[in-house]
Amino acid sequence: MSDISNWSLDQLLEIDPYDLENLVAFLFRRMGYKANVTSRSKDGGVDVEIKLEHFGLSHRWLVQVKRYLNSVGVKEVREYSSLRYREKVDGVIIVTTSTFTEDAYREATEHNVKLIEGQLLVSMLNHYCSDAAKNVSDGIEQKTTTSGGAVLKTGESVHLREPAIVGNTRLTLVITNRNIYFEQNSGGLFSKRPEISRRIEVRDLVGFSHVRKEILLVVGKKKFEVIRIRPKGMGKVLNVLEQLKTDYMRGESLLRLEQAKNNFIILTNRRLATITPRGEEALEVKLKNIVGTEVAGSGMFSRQKLIISEVREDVKKHVFEVADAKGWKNEIDEAVRSA
């Protein structure tokens, strides 16, 4: 963590989700509670369990921690309020780095769900943990372990190690709760040692698509990149990537992906883009600038054409040849309405 005297929202948004859970547990300990972070594989929707015991009286709460940018709505409150009855606890607390909608607050009052939004969390941290902004104990400080060639930080655990062909290179795919590593052996025949050829943070993953024997990973923030992976155990890798969705689908997320001719066409909840296989961006259209979509052509042996109308200073049309133009049109229309 950086050398600062106070906690801030920007700092919390940079913390790994699992580290944020540890930080929230540390906060409740400072407040006098007993707090335990649950196992990630067996949490059942619970991130932290807190208890307060005094003179034979005790109460127990379950805490759900969300490192979000967008507001938490009534759907999440309803989902986690059920934990109170299922786990037979006194109440549920939802902590987020963002805010809650008005409907979420109304729903929370009906089920004894307490809501802690980002600014309140910062105030609580600055009140109870101001001395720990630089170096928080109980699992927040940076210790490391190793897995193959990867150096793992505290709270980072390996979900999967699987042989795979990435591009045209045989590597070992290592997926943790924080990173995706591409590991390869180096050295001589009798002195091979694993080294990391590349690391991708899970939070930089936009999404993935399964095409025949390949998984196409879409990564990047301002600029997209599509990485082709042919794993030995396709099902295992897909299962782990699905499990990680809650960690990366908080900002920009993949809605549709297709390779048409020599370019990839990528649709997210924010933009429509095309890139070359080498990662060179050919086109980017923000959803807010799309004013019309249409489908043209119906030849039996040719792809239909998807036509996108973009408005900036004037209206410009972009034409794409795709396998399912109507499907693309419907998905783009829905994404534009939701943007």
Protein backbone atom coordinates (compact mmCIF):
# COMPACT_ATOMS: atom_id res chain seq x y z
CA MET A 1 0.00 0.00 0.00
CA SER A 2 1.11 3.57 -0.58
CA ASP A 3 2.52 5.73 2.18
CA ILE A 4 -0.51 7.88 3.05
CA SER A 5 -2.01 9.02 6.32
CA ASN A 6 -5.68 8.54 5.43
CA TRP A 7 -7.83 6.07 3.62
CA SER A 8 -9.56 7.14 0.39
CA LEU A 9 -12.06 5.66 -2.06
CA ASP A 10 -9.43 5.62 -4.80
CA GLN A 11 -7.18 3.50 -2.59
CA LEU A 12 -9.99 1.06 -1.77
CA LEU A 13 -10.81 0.64 -5.46
CA GLU A 14 -7.21 -0.39 -6.11
CA ILE A 15 -7.24 -3.09 -3.41
CA ASP A 16 -7.74 -6.68 -4.53
CA PRO A 17 -11.32 -7.84 -3.66
CA TYR A 18 -10.03 -10.53 -1.28
CA ASP A 19 -7.72 -8.03 0.44
CA LEU A 20 -10.69 -5.69 0.80
CA GLU A 21 -12.56 -8.45 2.64
CA ASN A 22 -9.57 -8.83 4.98
CA LEU A 23 -9.50 -5.07 5.49
CA VAL A 24 -13.21 -4.97 6.40
CA ALA A 25 -12.65 -7.83 8.86
CA PHE A 26 -9.72 -5.87 10.35
CA LEU A 27 -11.99 -2.82 10.69
CA PHE A 28 -14.61 -4.78 12.63
CA ARG A 29 -11.93 -6.20 14.91
CA ARG A 30 -10.85 -2.64 15.70
CA MET A 31 -14.51 -1.92 16.53
CA GLY A 32 -14.50 -4.73 19.10
CA TYR A 33 -15.94 -7.60 17.10
CA LYS A 34 -14.55 -11.04 16.47
CA ALA A 35 -14.25 -11.22 12.69
CA ASN A 36 -13.30 -14.05 10.34
CA VAL A 37 -12.96 -14.03 6.57
CA THR A 38 -14.64 -17.08 5.07
CA SER A 39 -13.03 -19.58 2.72
CA ARG A 40 -13.48 -18.42 -0.88
CA SER A 41 -14.46 -21.90 -2.06
CA LYS A 42 -17.08 -22.43 0.64
CA ASP A 43 -18.41 -18.98 1.52
CA GLY A 44 -21.99 -19.57 0.35
CA GLY A 45 -22.36 -15.87 -0.35
CA VAL A 46 -20.67 -14.76 2.91
CA ASP A 47 -17.38 -12.83 2.91
CA VAL A 48 -16.92 -12.02 6.60
CA GLU A 49 -18.59 -13.32 9.77
CA ILE A 50 -18.56 -11.04 12.83
CA LYS A 51 -19.59 -11.70 16.43
CA LEU A 52 -19.91 -9.55 19.53
CA GLU A 53 -19.97 -11.23 22.94
CA HIS A 54 -20.29 -9.41 26.27
CA PHE A 55 -21.37 -10.80 29.65
CA GLY A 56 -23.06 -13.83 28.14
CA LEU A 57 -24.90 -11.81 25.50
CA SER A 58 -23.89 -12.25 21.88
CA HIS A 59 -25.02 -11.45 18.38
CA ARG A 60 -23.73 -12.62 15.03
CA TRP A 61 -23.79 -10.82 11.66
CA LEU A 62 -22.76 -11.81 8.15
CA VAL A 63 -20.94 -9.28 5.98
CA GLN A 64 -20.88 -9.13 2.19
CA VAL A 65 -18.14 -6.94 0.67
CA LYS A 66 -18.51 -5.47 -2.84
CA ARG A 67 -15.73 -3.55 -4.56
CA TYR A 68 -18.07 -1.86 -7.05
CA LEU A 69 -18.06 1.31 -9.12
CA ASN A 70 -21.78 1.21 -9.95
CA SER A 71 -24.54 1.53 -7.35
CA VAL A 72 -25.72 -1.59 -5.54
CA GLY A 73 -29.42 -2.16 -6.23
CA VAL A 74 -32.40 -3.85 -4.66
CA LYS A 75 -31.59 -7.19 -6.33
CA GLU A 76 -28.36 -7.62 -4.36
CA VAL A 77 -30.04 -6.56 -1.11
CA ARG A 78 -32.80 -9.15 -1.59
CA GLU A 79 -30.25 -11.82 -2.42
CA TYR A 80 -28.13 -11.26 0.68
CA SER A 81 -31.04 -10.59 3.03
CA SER A 82 -31.97 -14.25 2.64
CA LEU A 83 -28.71 -15.15 4.41
CA ARG A 84 -30.19 -13.87 7.67
CA TYR A 85 -32.88 -16.54 7.60
CA ARG A 86 -30.80 -19.28 6.00
CA GLU A 87 -27.88 -18.93 8.40
CA LYS A 88 -30.05 -17.94 11.42
CA VAL A 89 -28.05 -14.83 12.27
CA ASP A 90 -29.05 -11.49 13.78
CA GLY A 91 -28.52 -9.54 10.61
CA VAL A 92 -26.63 -8.94 7.37
CA ILE A 93 -24.29 -6.08 6.48
CA ILE A 94 -23.47 -5.13 2.88
CA VAL A 95 -20.32 -3.06 2.43
CA THR A 96 -19.53 -1.44 -0.92
CA THR A 97 -17.01 1.02 -2.31
CA SER A 98 -19.84 2.60 -4.31
CA THR A 99 -23.36 3.65 -3.23
CA PHE A 100 -26.83 2.10 -2.84
CA THR A 101 -29.99 2.96 -4.73
CA GLU A 102 -33.04 4.35 -2.92
CA ASP A 103 -34.89 1.07 -3.55
CA ALA A 104 -31.97 -0.80 -1.97
CA TYR A 105 -32.25 1.30 1.21
CA ARG A 106 -36.01 0.69 1.41
CA GLU A 107 -35.54 -3.06 0.95
CA ALA A 108 -32.79 -3.17 3.55
CA THR A 109 -34.97 -1.68 6.29
CA GLU A 110 -37.49 -4.50 5.88
CA HIS A 111 -34.98 -7.30 6.49
CA ASN A 112 -32.56 -5.82 9.06
CA VAL A 113 -29.85 -5.40 6.45
CA LYS A 114 -27.33 -2.66 7.26
CA LEU A 115 -25.73 -0.81 4.35
CA ILE A 116 -22.26 0.74 4.44
CA GLU A 117 -21.46 2.75 1.31
CA GLY A 118 -18.04 3.89 0.15
CA GLN A 119 -17.81 7.27 1.86
CA LEU A 120 -19.04 5.85 5.18
CA LEU A 121 -16.52 3.00 4.89
CA VAL A 122 -13.72 5.53 4.36
CA SER A 123 -14.86 7.49 7.42
CA MET A 124 -14.96 4.33 9.55
CA LEU A 125 -11.48 3.31 8.40
CA ASN A 126 -10.08 6.76 9.12
CA HIS A 127 -11.66 6.70 12.59
CA TYR A 128 -10.73 3.17 13.68
CA CYS A 129 -7.75 2.31 11.44
CA SER A 130 -6.01 5.59 10.61
CA ASP A 131 -2.72 4.18 11.85
CA ALA A 132 -3.05 1.19 9.52
CA ALA A 133 -3.44 2.97 6.19
CA LYS A 134 0.17 2.17 5.32
CA ASN A 135 0.48 -1.34 6.66
CA VAL A 136 -2.50 -3.33 7.91
CA SER A 137 -1.85 -6.56 9.80
CA ASP A 138 -3.98 -9.72 9.87
CA GLY A 139 -3.36 -10.65 6.27
CA ILE A 140 -3.26 -7.24 4.58
CA GLU A 141 0.51 -6.78 4.67
CA GLN A 142 2.33 -8.06 1.60
CA LYS A 143 3.90 -11.45 2.21
CA THR A 144 4.60 -13.80 -0.67
CA THR A 145 4.62 -17.46 -1.59
CA THR A 146 5.50 -19.12 -4.87
CA SER A 147 3.71 -21.45 -7.25
CA GLY A 148 5.88 -22.63 -10.11
CA GLY A 149 7.38 -19.44 -11.48
CA ALA A 150 4.67 -17.20 -10.04
CA VAL A 151 5.17 -15.18 -6.89
CA LEU A 152 1.86 -15.10 -5.01
CA LYS A 153 0.85 -12.37 -2.58
CA THR A 154 -1.01 -12.91 0.66
CA GLY A 155 -4.60 -13.88 -0.10
CA GLU A 156 -3.71 -15.07 -3.60
CA SER A 157 -4.53 -18.72 -4.17
CA VAL A 158 -4.16 -20.93 -7.22
CA HIS A 159 -7.43 -22.13 -8.70
CA LEU A 160 -5.95 -24.06 -11.61
CA ARG A 161 -2.74 -25.13 -13.35
CA GLU A 162 -3.31 -26.54 -16.82
CA PRO A 163 -1.14 -27.25 -19.89
CA ALA A 164 -2.22 -25.06 -22.79
CA ILE A 165 -1.17 -23.74 -26.16
CA VAL A 166 -1.22 -19.94 -26.13
CA GLY A 167 -0.83 -18.61 -29.64
CA ASN A 168 1.60 -21.21 -30.98
CA THR A 169 3.53 -21.78 -27.75
CA ARG A 170 3.11 -24.61 -25.26
CA LEU A 171 2.78 -23.13 -21.80
CA THR A 172 1.24 -23.79 -18.42
CA LEU A 173 -1.84 -21.71 -17.72
CA VAL A 174 -2.00 -20.69 -14.04
CA ILE A 175 -5.18 -18.99 -12.79
CA THR A 176 -5.38 -17.50 -9.30
CA ASN A 177 -8.04 -15.36 -7.66
CA ARG A 178 -6.03 -12.30 -8.73
CA ASN A 179 -4.04 -13.09 -11.86
CA ILE A 180 -3.75 -15.22 -14.96
CA TYR A 181 -0.16 -16.35 -15.54
CA PHE A 182 1.43 -17.90 -18.62
CA GLU A 183 4.30 -20.06 -17.38
CA GLN A 184 7.01 -21.65 -19.51
CA ASN A 185 10.11 -23.71 -18.79
CA SER A 186 13.54 -22.24 -19.44
CA GLY A 187 17.08 -23.54 -19.04
CA GLY A 188 18.71 -26.70 -20.33
CA LEU A 189 17.35 -30.20 -20.71
CA PHE A 190 18.30 -31.18 -17.15
CA SER A 191 17.84 -27.81 -15.49
CA LYS A 192 14.41 -26.64 -16.57
CA ARG A 193 12.82 -24.05 -14.36
CA PRO A 194 9.43 -22.36 -14.69
CA GLU A 195 9.32 -18.69 -15.56
CA ILE A 196 6.38 -16.35 -16.03
CA SER A 197 6.22 -15.09 -19.60
CA ARG A 198 3.16 -12.94 -18.94
CA ARG A 199 0.77 -11.90 -16.18
CA ILE A 200 -2.77 -10.55 -16.60
CA GLU A 201 -4.68 -9.16 -13.65
CA VAL A 202 -8.15 -10.68 -13.29
CA ARG A 203 -9.66 -7.20 -12.97
CA ASP A 204 -8.33 -6.39 -16.48
CA LEU A 205 -10.27 -9.32 -17.96
CA VAL A 206 -13.25 -8.07 -19.98
CA GLY A 207 -14.61 -11.53 -20.72
CA PHE A 208 -14.10 -14.72 -22.70
CA SER A 209 -15.66 -16.73 -25.49
CA HIS A 210 -15.51 -20.46 -26.18
CA VAL A 211 -15.06 -21.27 -29.88
CA ARG A 212 -14.61 -24.96 -30.69
CA LYS A 213 -11.32 -26.02 -29.06
CA GLU A 214 -10.25 -22.49 -28.18
CA ILE A 215 -10.94 -20.00 -25.45
CA LEU A 216 -10.68 -16.38 -26.53
CA LEU A 217 -9.77 -14.09 -23.65
CA VAL A 218 -10.57 -10.40 -24.11
CA VAL A 219 -8.37 -8.20 -21.91
CA GLY A 220 -7.59 -4.53 -21.68
CA LYS A 221 -9.03 -1.25 -20.50
CA LYS A 222 -8.56 1.45 -23.11
CA LYS A 223 -7.30 -0.94 -25.77
CA PHE A 224 -8.53 -4.51 -26.27
CA GLU A 225 -6.49 -7.61 -26.88
CA VAL A 226 -7.77 -11.08 -27.78
CA ILE A 227 -5.65 -14.00 -26.53
CA ARG A 228 -6.19 -17.47 -28.02
CA ILE A 229 -5.84 -20.36 -25.56
CA ARG A 230 -6.17 -24.07 -26.30
CA PRO A 231 -6.12 -25.75 -22.88
CA LYS A 232 -5.81 -29.48 -22.34
CA GLY A 233 -8.75 -29.48 -19.93
CA MET A 234 -11.26 -27.16 -21.58
CA GLY A 235 -14.04 -27.80 -19.06
CA LYS A 236 -11.85 -27.08 -16.04
CA VAL A 237 -10.62 -23.77 -17.43
CA LEU A 238 -14.11 -22.63 -18.44
CA ASN A 239 -15.42 -23.48 -14.97
CA VAL A 240 -12.73 -21.40 -13.24
CA LEU A 241 -13.27 -18.44 -15.58
CA GLU A 242 -16.99 -18.57 -14.80
CA GLN A 243 -16.22 -18.52 -11.08
CA LEU A 244 -14.08 -15.41 -11.53
CA LYS A 245 -16.86 -13.42 -13.21
CA THR A 246 -17.89 -11.79 -9.94
CA ASP A 247 -14.36 -10.36 -9.65
CA TYR A 248 -14.06 -8.81 -13.10
CA MET A 249 -17.61 -8.12 -14.31
CA ARG A 250 -17.94 -4.90 -12.32
CA GLY A 251 -16.88 -2.45 -14.98
CA GLU A 252 -16.68 -3.14 -18.69
CA SER A 253 -17.83 -6.64 -19.59
CA LEU A 254 -17.94 -8.66 -22.80
CA LEU A 255 -21.35 -9.23 -24.39
CA ARG A 256 -20.43 -10.74 -27.76
CA LEU A 257 -17.31 -11.67 -29.74
CA GLU A 258 -16.79 -12.90 -33.29
CA GLN A 259 -13.95 -13.16 -35.75
CA ALA A 260 -15.14 -11.84 -39.10
CA LYS A 261 -12.64 -12.03 -41.96
CA ASN A 262 -9.36 -10.86 -40.43
CA ASN A 263 -10.76 -8.77 -37.57
CA PHE A 264 -12.34 -9.49 -34.21
CA ILE A 265 -15.62 -7.71 -33.53
CA ILE A 266 -16.11 -7.03 -29.83
CA LEU A 267 -19.27 -5.81 -28.13
CA THR A 268 -19.18 -4.76 -24.47
CA ASN A 269 -21.61 -2.89 -22.25
CA ARG A 270 -19.77 0.32 -23.23
CA ARG A 271 -18.58 0.08 -26.82
CA LEU A 272 -18.36 -1.77 -30.11
CA ALA A 273 -14.81 -2.26 -31.36
CA THR A 274 -12.87 -4.13 -34.00
CA ILE A 275 -9.24 -5.15 -33.69
CA THR A 276 -6.85 -7.09 -35.89
CA PRO A 277 -5.42 -10.44 -34.71
CA ARG A 278 -2.25 -8.50 -33.84
CA GLY A 279 -4.22 -6.27 -31.51
CA GLU A 280 -4.30 -3.18 -33.70
CA GLU A 281 -7.53 -1.28 -33.16
CA ALA A 282 -9.42 -0.68 -36.40
CA LEU A 283 -12.61 0.90 -35.08
CA GLU A 284 -14.26 1.92 -31.82
CA VAL A 285 -17.85 3.14 -31.45
CA LYS A 286 -19.20 4.11 -28.05
CA LEU A 287 -22.69 2.79 -27.38
CA LYS A 288 -23.95 6.27 -26.52
CA ASN A 289 -23.12 7.34 -30.10
CA ILE A 290 -25.04 4.51 -31.81
CA VAL A 291 -28.34 5.84 -33.20
CA GLY A 292 -29.41 2.95 -35.42
CA THR A 293 -28.79 -0.67 -36.42
CA GLU A 294 -29.99 -2.63 -39.42
CA VAL A 295 -29.43 -5.90 -41.23
CA ALA A 296 -28.84 -6.09 -44.96
CA GLY A 297 -28.45 -9.01 -47.34
CA SER A 298 -29.75 -12.56 -47.08
CA GLY A 299 -27.66 -14.56 -49.48
CA MET A 300 -27.55 -18.30 -48.87
CA PHE A 301 -23.78 -18.50 -49.23
CA SER A 302 -22.76 -15.10 -47.89
CA ARG A 303 -22.84 -13.52 -44.50
CA GLN A 304 -25.46 -10.93 -43.70
CA LYS A 305 -24.28 -7.38 -43.23
CA LEU A 306 -24.74 -5.56 -39.97
CA ILE A 307 -24.95 -1.79 -40.42
CA ILE A 308 -24.31 0.51 -37.46
CA SER A 309 -25.15 4.21 -37.60
CA GLU A 310 -22.90 6.35 -35.41
CA VAL A 311 -23.47 10.04 -34.73
CA ARG A 312 -20.80 12.52 -33.77
CA GLU A 313 -20.73 15.71 -35.82
CA ASP A 314 -22.66 13.86 -38.52
CA VAL A 315 -24.03 10.35 -39.07
CA LYS A 316 -21.56 7.70 -40.20
CA LYS A 317 -22.40 4.12 -41.16
CA HIS A 318 -20.17 1.14 -40.38
CA VAL A 319 -20.71 -2.18 -42.16
CA PHE A 320 -19.76 -5.57 -40.69
CA GLU A 321 -20.11 -9.03 -42.20
CA VAL A 322 -21.07 -11.39 -39.38
CA ALA A 323 -22.51 -14.88 -39.07
CA ASP A 324 -25.64 -13.85 -37.16
CA ALA A 325 -26.42 -10.25 -38.05
CA LYS A 326 -29.87 -10.33 -36.43
CA GLY A 327 -28.39 -11.67 -33.19
CA TRP A 328 -25.77 -8.92 -33.21
CA LYS A 329 -28.42 -6.28 -33.94
CA ASN A 330 -30.63 -7.42 -31.06
CA GLU A 331 -27.73 -7.52 -28.61
CA ILE A 332 -26.44 -4.10 -29.66
CA ASP A 333 -29.92 -2.58 -29.40
CA GLU A 334 -30.33 -3.99 -25.88
CA ALA A 335 -26.85 -2.78 -24.85
CA VAL A 336 -27.57 0.74 -26.19
CA ARG A 337 -30.85 0.88 -24.23
CA SER A 338 -29.05 -0.19 -21.04
CA ALA A 339 -26.02 2.08 -21.48
